[in-house]
Amino acid sequence: MEDIAQRIVGTWRPVHSLRINAEGNREYPYGEDALGYIHYADVGIMAVRISRKSRSGARGLEQLRRDYLAYFGRYEIDAGRQGVRHFVEGRLFPGDPLAILERRYRFEGDLLWLTPVDGTHREILWRRLYVPARDG
């Protein structure tokens, strides 16, 4: 059995971030060309940033909330459930409640799918960008 904790470590770029609406259509909350990174360190910390590529100057807090996502914290793998939990310690908007965000993961080659388990129909597909060198 592969070591998921080691497989997830590294830096990933978004291929897409999408949600399926009530009519079954795909929507891209950050655009079809979203930019960003998610980084998982081997010491159990993570950080994520996703941004709409074409953004004009912020036209208010609500627009910024729709155009940019950022948070960081600890994470843990639950291989039995094929899940990863993000323990949010800080996020872009300080008034937002901190949370534990659970995602199902799936790997295929250099791709990582993360699907929230919160009942929404969302998916973020990531492509591996960087794997840190291992000692030994």
N, C-alpha and C. Protein backbone atom coordinates (compact mmCIF):
# COMPACT_ATOMS: atom_id res chain seq x y z
N MET A 1 0.84 -1.19 0.00
CA MET A 1 0.00 0.00 0.00
C MET A 1 0.88 1.25 0.00
N GLU A 2 0.55 2.19 -0.86
CA GLU A 2 1.38 3.38 -0.95
C GLU A 2 1.19 4.28 0.26
N ASP A 3 2.19 5.10 0.54
CA ASP A 3 2.14 6.02 1.67
C ASP A 3 1.50 7.32 1.20
N ILE A 4 0.21 7.48 1.47
CA ILE A 4 -0.54 8.66 1.04
C ILE A 4 0.05 9.92 1.65
N ALA A 5 0.49 9.84 2.90
CA ALA A 5 1.06 11.02 3.56
C ALA A 5 2.26 11.55 2.77
N GLN A 6 3.05 10.67 2.19
CA GLN A 6 4.19 11.12 1.39
C GLN A 6 3.76 11.53 -0.02
N ARG A 7 2.74 10.89 -0.53
CA ARG A 7 2.29 11.20 -1.90
C ARG A 7 1.67 12.60 -1.99
N ILE A 8 1.02 13.04 -0.94
CA ILE A 8 0.35 14.33 -0.98
C ILE A 8 1.32 15.49 -0.77
N VAL A 9 2.46 15.22 -0.14
CA VAL A 9 3.44 16.27 0.16
C VAL A 9 3.95 16.89 -1.14
N GLY A 10 3.99 18.21 -1.16
CA GLY A 10 4.49 18.94 -2.31
C GLY A 10 3.62 20.14 -2.61
N THR A 11 3.85 20.72 -3.77
CA THR A 11 3.10 21.89 -4.22
C THR A 11 2.32 21.53 -5.47
N TRP A 12 1.07 21.95 -5.51
CA TRP A 12 0.14 21.61 -6.58
C TRP A 12 -0.48 22.89 -7.13
N ARG A 13 -0.80 22.89 -8.43
CA ARG A 13 -1.48 24.02 -9.09
C ARG A 13 -2.86 23.58 -9.53
N PRO A 14 -3.84 24.50 -9.51
CA PRO A 14 -5.19 24.09 -9.93
C PRO A 14 -5.29 23.86 -11.43
N VAL A 15 -5.98 22.79 -11.79
CA VAL A 15 -6.38 22.55 -13.18
C VAL A 15 -7.77 23.16 -13.35
N HIS A 16 -8.64 22.88 -12.37
CA HIS A 16 -9.94 23.54 -12.32
C HIS A 16 -10.51 23.47 -10.91
N SER A 17 -11.37 24.41 -10.64
CA SER A 17 -12.18 24.42 -9.43
C SER A 17 -13.60 24.57 -9.92
N LEU A 18 -14.43 23.57 -9.66
CA LEU A 18 -15.78 23.64 -10.20
C LEU A 18 -16.80 23.19 -9.20
N ARG A 19 -18.03 23.56 -9.47
CA ARG A 19 -19.17 23.05 -8.71
C ARG A 19 -20.26 22.73 -9.72
N ILE A 20 -21.08 21.77 -9.36
CA ILE A 20 -22.22 21.38 -10.20
C ILE A 20 -23.45 22.04 -9.59
N ASN A 21 -24.14 22.86 -10.38
CA ASN A 21 -25.31 23.56 -9.84
C ASN A 21 -26.53 22.64 -9.83
N ALA A 22 -27.65 23.15 -9.36
CA ALA A 22 -28.88 22.36 -9.21
C ALA A 22 -29.37 21.79 -10.53
N GLU A 23 -29.06 22.45 -11.64
CA GLU A 23 -29.48 21.97 -12.96
C GLU A 23 -28.48 20.97 -13.55
N GLY A 24 -27.39 20.70 -12.83
CA GLY A 24 -26.40 19.75 -13.31
C GLY A 24 -25.32 20.36 -14.20
N ASN A 25 -25.28 21.69 -14.28
CA ASN A 25 -24.27 22.38 -15.10
C ASN A 25 -23.03 22.70 -14.28
N ARG A 26 -21.90 22.72 -14.96
CA ARG A 26 -20.64 23.08 -14.30
C ARG A 26 -20.52 24.59 -14.18
N GLU A 27 -20.09 25.03 -13.00
CA GLU A 27 -19.78 26.43 -12.77
C GLU A 27 -18.35 26.50 -12.25
N TYR A 28 -17.63 27.54 -12.64
CA TYR A 28 -16.24 27.72 -12.24
C TYR A 28 -16.15 28.97 -11.36
N PRO A 29 -16.20 28.81 -10.04
CA PRO A 29 -16.27 29.97 -9.13
C PRO A 29 -15.11 30.95 -9.30
N TYR A 30 -13.94 30.47 -9.70
CA TYR A 30 -12.77 31.34 -9.87
C TYR A 30 -12.39 31.45 -11.35
N GLY A 31 -13.32 31.11 -12.23
CA GLY A 31 -13.05 31.13 -13.67
C GLY A 31 -12.44 29.82 -14.12
N GLU A 32 -12.52 29.55 -15.40
CA GLU A 32 -11.94 28.32 -15.95
C GLU A 32 -10.43 28.35 -15.97
N ASP A 33 -9.85 29.53 -15.75
CA ASP A 33 -8.40 29.68 -15.77
C ASP A 33 -7.85 30.12 -14.41
N ALA A 34 -8.43 29.59 -13.34
CA ALA A 34 -8.03 29.96 -11.98
C ALA A 34 -6.53 29.73 -11.76
N LEU A 35 -5.96 30.57 -10.94
CA LEU A 35 -4.55 30.47 -10.56
C LEU A 35 -4.46 30.09 -9.09
N GLY A 36 -3.33 29.54 -8.69
CA GLY A 36 -3.14 29.29 -7.28
C GLY A 36 -2.20 28.15 -7.00
N TYR A 37 -2.15 27.80 -5.72
CA TYR A 37 -1.31 26.71 -5.24
C TYR A 37 -1.95 26.12 -4.00
N ILE A 38 -1.70 24.85 -3.80
CA ILE A 38 -1.91 24.24 -2.49
C ILE A 38 -0.59 23.55 -2.16
N HIS A 39 -0.16 23.74 -0.94
CA HIS A 39 1.11 23.17 -0.51
C HIS A 39 0.88 22.34 0.74
N TYR A 40 1.34 21.09 0.69
CA TYR A 40 1.33 20.20 1.84
C TYR A 40 2.78 19.93 2.23
N ALA A 41 3.14 20.26 3.46
CA ALA A 41 4.50 20.00 3.96
C ALA A 41 4.50 18.68 4.73
N ASP A 42 5.65 18.03 4.76
CA ASP A 42 5.74 16.74 5.43
C ASP A 42 5.65 16.85 6.95
N VAL A 43 5.62 18.06 7.48
CA VAL A 43 5.48 18.26 8.92
C VAL A 43 4.02 18.49 9.33
N GLY A 44 3.09 18.31 8.38
CA GLY A 44 1.67 18.38 8.71
C GLY A 44 1.04 19.76 8.64
N ILE A 45 1.67 20.68 7.91
CA ILE A 45 1.05 21.99 7.70
C ILE A 45 0.73 22.16 6.22
N MET A 46 -0.26 23.00 5.94
CA MET A 46 -0.69 23.23 4.57
C MET A 46 -1.10 24.68 4.39
N ALA A 47 -1.15 25.10 3.13
CA ALA A 47 -1.65 26.43 2.78
C ALA A 47 -2.24 26.34 1.38
N VAL A 48 -3.32 27.09 1.16
CA VAL A 48 -3.97 27.11 -0.15
C VAL A 48 -4.31 28.54 -0.53
N ARG A 49 -4.14 28.84 -1.83
CA ARG A 49 -4.56 30.10 -2.42
C ARG A 49 -5.11 29.81 -3.79
N ILE A 50 -6.30 30.33 -4.07
CA ILE A 50 -6.91 30.21 -5.40
C ILE A 50 -7.45 31.59 -5.75
N SER A 51 -7.15 32.01 -6.98
CA SER A 51 -7.56 33.35 -7.41
C SER A 51 -8.13 33.30 -8.82
N ARG A 52 -9.10 34.16 -9.06
CA ARG A 52 -9.56 34.38 -10.42
C ARG A 52 -8.41 35.05 -11.17
N LYS A 53 -8.08 34.56 -12.38
CA LYS A 53 -6.95 35.10 -13.14
C LYS A 53 -7.20 36.54 -13.54
N SER A 54 -8.36 36.80 -14.12
CA SER A 54 -8.65 38.16 -14.55
C SER A 54 -9.45 38.87 -13.46
N ARG A 55 -8.72 39.62 -12.65
CA ARG A 55 -9.35 40.38 -11.59
C ARG A 55 -9.04 41.85 -11.81
N SER A 56 -10.03 42.65 -11.64
CA SER A 56 -9.78 44.09 -11.64
C SER A 56 -9.59 44.51 -10.19
N GLY A 57 -9.42 45.78 -9.96
CA GLY A 57 -9.29 46.25 -8.59
C GLY A 57 -10.49 45.81 -7.77
N ALA A 58 -10.24 45.49 -6.52
CA ALA A 58 -11.33 45.03 -5.65
C ALA A 58 -12.43 46.07 -5.60
N ARG A 59 -13.63 45.63 -5.89
CA ARG A 59 -14.79 46.52 -5.88
C ARG A 59 -15.60 46.30 -4.61
N GLY A 60 -14.95 45.88 -3.59
CA GLY A 60 -15.63 45.65 -2.33
C GLY A 60 -15.32 44.27 -1.78
N LEU A 61 -15.64 44.11 -0.52
CA LEU A 61 -15.33 42.88 0.18
C LEU A 61 -16.03 41.66 -0.43
N GLU A 62 -17.28 41.80 -0.83
CA GLU A 62 -18.00 40.67 -1.41
C GLU A 62 -17.38 40.22 -2.73
N GLN A 63 -16.92 41.17 -3.55
CA GLN A 63 -16.25 40.82 -4.80
C GLN A 63 -14.95 40.07 -4.50
N LEU A 64 -14.20 40.55 -3.53
CA LEU A 64 -12.95 39.88 -3.16
C LEU A 64 -13.23 38.46 -2.67
N ARG A 65 -14.29 38.27 -1.91
CA ARG A 65 -14.66 36.93 -1.44
C ARG A 65 -14.94 35.99 -2.61
N ARG A 66 -15.49 36.51 -3.70
CA ARG A 66 -15.79 35.68 -4.87
C ARG A 66 -14.55 35.44 -5.73
N ASP A 67 -13.56 36.31 -5.62
CA ASP A 67 -12.39 36.24 -6.50
C ASP A 67 -11.17 35.57 -5.89
N TYR A 68 -11.13 35.38 -4.58
CA TYR A 68 -9.89 34.92 -3.95
C TYR A 68 -10.19 34.08 -2.72
N LEU A 69 -9.50 32.96 -2.59
CA LEU A 69 -9.61 32.08 -1.44
C LEU A 69 -8.21 31.84 -0.90
N ALA A 70 -8.04 31.97 0.41
CA ALA A 70 -6.74 31.70 1.02
C ALA A 70 -6.94 31.28 2.47
N TYR A 71 -6.27 30.19 2.85
CA TYR A 71 -6.23 29.78 4.25
C TYR A 71 -5.03 28.89 4.47
N PHE A 72 -4.70 28.68 5.76
CA PHE A 72 -3.57 27.83 6.12
C PHE A 72 -3.87 27.15 7.45
N GLY A 73 -3.11 26.10 7.73
CA GLY A 73 -3.25 25.41 9.01
C GLY A 73 -2.58 24.05 8.97
N ARG A 74 -3.00 23.22 9.88
CA ARG A 74 -2.49 21.85 9.93
C ARG A 74 -3.37 20.96 9.06
N TYR A 75 -2.86 19.78 8.75
CA TYR A 75 -3.68 18.80 8.04
C TYR A 75 -3.36 17.41 8.57
N GLU A 76 -4.32 16.51 8.37
CA GLU A 76 -4.07 15.10 8.68
C GLU A 76 -4.77 14.25 7.63
N ILE A 77 -4.16 13.11 7.36
CA ILE A 77 -4.65 12.15 6.38
C ILE A 77 -5.45 11.07 7.11
N ASP A 78 -6.58 10.71 6.53
CA ASP A 78 -7.37 9.57 7.01
C ASP A 78 -7.43 8.59 5.83
N ALA A 79 -6.42 7.74 5.71
CA ALA A 79 -6.31 6.83 4.56
C ALA A 79 -7.50 5.88 4.48
N GLY A 80 -8.04 5.48 5.61
CA GLY A 80 -9.17 4.56 5.62
C GLY A 80 -10.40 5.15 4.93
N ARG A 81 -10.58 6.45 5.06
CA ARG A 81 -11.72 7.13 4.44
C ARG A 81 -11.32 7.85 3.16
N GLN A 82 -10.06 7.71 2.75
CA GLN A 82 -9.50 8.45 1.61
C GLN A 82 -9.80 9.93 1.77
N GLY A 83 -9.46 10.44 2.95
CA GLY A 83 -9.75 11.83 3.25
C GLY A 83 -8.55 12.57 3.82
N VAL A 84 -8.63 13.87 3.68
CA VAL A 84 -7.66 14.77 4.29
C VAL A 84 -8.45 15.86 4.99
N ARG A 85 -8.07 16.16 6.22
CA ARG A 85 -8.72 17.22 6.99
C ARG A 85 -7.79 18.41 7.08
N HIS A 86 -8.33 19.59 6.75
CA HIS A 86 -7.59 20.84 6.89
C HIS A 86 -8.10 21.51 8.17
N PHE A 87 -7.22 21.70 9.13
CA PHE A 87 -7.57 22.38 10.38
C PHE A 87 -7.19 23.85 10.19
N VAL A 88 -8.15 24.66 9.80
CA VAL A 88 -7.90 26.05 9.42
C VAL A 88 -7.51 26.85 10.66
N GLU A 89 -6.32 27.44 10.59
CA GLU A 89 -5.82 28.27 11.69
C GLU A 89 -5.89 29.75 11.34
N GLY A 90 -5.89 30.06 10.07
CA GLY A 90 -6.00 31.45 9.62
C GLY A 90 -6.51 31.47 8.20
N ARG A 91 -7.24 32.54 7.88
CA ARG A 91 -7.77 32.68 6.53
C ARG A 91 -7.80 34.14 6.14
N LEU A 92 -8.05 34.38 4.88
CA LEU A 92 -8.01 35.73 4.34
C LEU A 92 -8.91 36.69 5.09
N PHE A 93 -10.12 36.28 5.41
CA PHE A 93 -11.07 37.17 6.07
C PHE A 93 -11.13 36.82 7.54
N PRO A 94 -10.55 37.66 8.41
CA PRO A 94 -10.44 37.32 9.82
C PRO A 94 -11.77 37.12 10.53
N GLY A 95 -12.85 37.67 10.05
CA GLY A 95 -14.15 37.49 10.71
C GLY A 95 -14.78 36.15 10.44
N ASP A 96 -14.29 35.44 9.42
CA ASP A 96 -14.86 34.14 9.09
C ASP A 96 -14.51 33.13 10.18
N PRO A 97 -15.43 32.24 10.51
CA PRO A 97 -15.13 31.25 11.55
C PRO A 97 -14.05 30.27 11.07
N LEU A 98 -13.22 29.86 12.00
CA LEU A 98 -12.23 28.83 11.68
C LEU A 98 -12.96 27.50 11.63
N ALA A 99 -12.38 26.56 10.92
CA ALA A 99 -13.13 25.33 10.67
C ALA A 99 -12.19 24.17 10.45
N ILE A 100 -12.79 23.00 10.41
CA ILE A 100 -12.12 21.80 9.93
C ILE A 100 -12.78 21.48 8.59
N LEU A 101 -12.01 21.51 7.53
CA LEU A 101 -12.51 21.26 6.19
C LEU A 101 -12.07 19.87 5.77
N GLU A 102 -13.01 19.01 5.49
CA GLU A 102 -12.68 17.64 5.11
C GLU A 102 -12.87 17.47 3.61
N ARG A 103 -11.90 16.82 2.99
CA ARG A 103 -11.91 16.56 1.55
C ARG A 103 -11.65 15.08 1.31
N ARG A 104 -12.29 14.51 0.32
CA ARG A 104 -11.90 13.20 -0.19
C ARG A 104 -10.81 13.43 -1.22
N TYR A 105 -9.84 12.55 -1.25
CA TYR A 105 -8.77 12.69 -2.23
C TYR A 105 -8.78 11.51 -3.19
N ARG A 106 -8.24 11.76 -4.37
CA ARG A 106 -8.03 10.71 -5.36
C ARG A 106 -6.82 11.14 -6.19
N PHE A 107 -5.91 10.22 -6.41
CA PHE A 107 -4.71 10.48 -7.21
C PHE A 107 -4.80 9.74 -8.53
N GLU A 108 -4.27 10.35 -9.57
CA GLU A 108 -4.08 9.68 -10.85
C GLU A 108 -2.88 10.35 -11.51
N GLY A 109 -1.77 9.61 -11.57
CA GLY A 109 -0.53 10.20 -12.11
C GLY A 109 -0.13 11.40 -11.28
N ASP A 110 0.05 12.55 -11.97
CA ASP A 110 0.43 13.78 -11.26
C ASP A 110 -0.77 14.65 -10.91
N LEU A 111 -1.97 14.05 -10.89
CA LEU A 111 -3.20 14.77 -10.56
C LEU A 111 -3.73 14.37 -9.19
N LEU A 112 -4.31 15.35 -8.51
CA LEU A 112 -4.93 15.15 -7.20
C LEU A 112 -6.31 15.79 -7.23
N TRP A 113 -7.33 14.98 -7.01
CA TRP A 113 -8.70 15.50 -6.89
C TRP A 113 -8.99 15.68 -5.41
N LEU A 114 -9.53 16.84 -5.04
CA LEU A 114 -10.03 17.08 -3.69
C LEU A 114 -11.50 17.44 -3.80
N THR A 115 -12.34 16.68 -3.11
CA THR A 115 -13.78 16.88 -3.16
C THR A 115 -14.30 17.09 -1.76
N PRO A 116 -14.88 18.25 -1.46
CA PRO A 116 -15.42 18.48 -0.11
C PRO A 116 -16.50 17.46 0.24
N VAL A 117 -16.58 17.13 1.53
CA VAL A 117 -17.60 16.20 2.00
C VAL A 117 -18.72 16.94 2.72
N ASP A 118 -18.88 18.23 2.42
CA ASP A 118 -19.87 19.06 3.12
C ASP A 118 -21.23 19.07 2.44
N GLY A 119 -21.44 18.18 1.47
CA GLY A 119 -22.74 18.11 0.82
C GLY A 119 -22.85 18.97 -0.42
N THR A 120 -21.85 19.81 -0.67
CA THR A 120 -21.86 20.61 -1.90
C THR A 120 -21.33 19.74 -3.04
N HIS A 121 -21.59 20.12 -4.23
CA HIS A 121 -21.12 19.38 -5.39
C HIS A 121 -19.96 20.16 -6.00
N ARG A 122 -18.81 20.09 -5.30
CA ARG A 122 -17.63 20.82 -5.74
C ARG A 122 -16.46 19.86 -5.90
N GLU A 123 -15.49 20.31 -6.69
CA GLU A 123 -14.28 19.53 -6.91
C GLU A 123 -13.17 20.49 -7.30
N ILE A 124 -12.00 20.26 -6.75
CA ILE A 124 -10.81 20.99 -7.20
C ILE A 124 -9.81 19.95 -7.67
N LEU A 125 -9.39 20.11 -8.90
CA LEU A 125 -8.40 19.22 -9.51
C LEU A 125 -7.08 19.96 -9.53
N TRP A 126 -6.05 19.32 -8.97
CA TRP A 126 -4.71 19.90 -8.85
C TRP A 126 -3.70 19.08 -9.65
N ARG A 127 -2.70 19.73 -10.23
CA ARG A 127 -1.59 19.06 -10.90
C ARG A 127 -0.32 19.32 -10.10
N ARG A 128 0.43 18.24 -9.86
CA ARG A 128 1.67 18.37 -9.09
C ARG A 128 2.64 19.31 -9.81
N LEU A 129 3.18 20.23 -9.02
CA LEU A 129 4.15 21.18 -9.53
C LEU A 129 5.54 20.91 -8.97
N TYR A 130 5.58 20.49 -7.71
CA TYR A 130 6.87 20.36 -7.03
C TYR A 130 6.79 19.29 -5.96
N VAL A 131 7.81 18.49 -5.89
CA VAL A 131 7.96 17.51 -4.82
C VAL A 131 9.26 17.82 -4.12
N PRO A 132 9.24 18.04 -2.80
CA PRO A 132 10.49 18.35 -2.09
C PRO A 132 11.43 17.15 -2.10
N ALA A 133 12.73 17.43 -2.10
CA ALA A 133 13.74 16.37 -2.06
C ALA A 133 13.63 15.64 -0.73
N ARG A 134 13.82 14.37 -0.77
CA ARG A 134 13.76 13.54 0.43
C ARG A 134 15.19 13.21 0.87
N ASP A 135 15.43 13.27 2.16
CA ASP A 135 16.75 12.87 2.69
C ASP A 135 16.86 11.36 2.65
N GLY A 136 18.05 10.88 2.42
CA GLY A 136 18.25 9.45 2.51
C GLY A 136 18.55 8.87 1.24
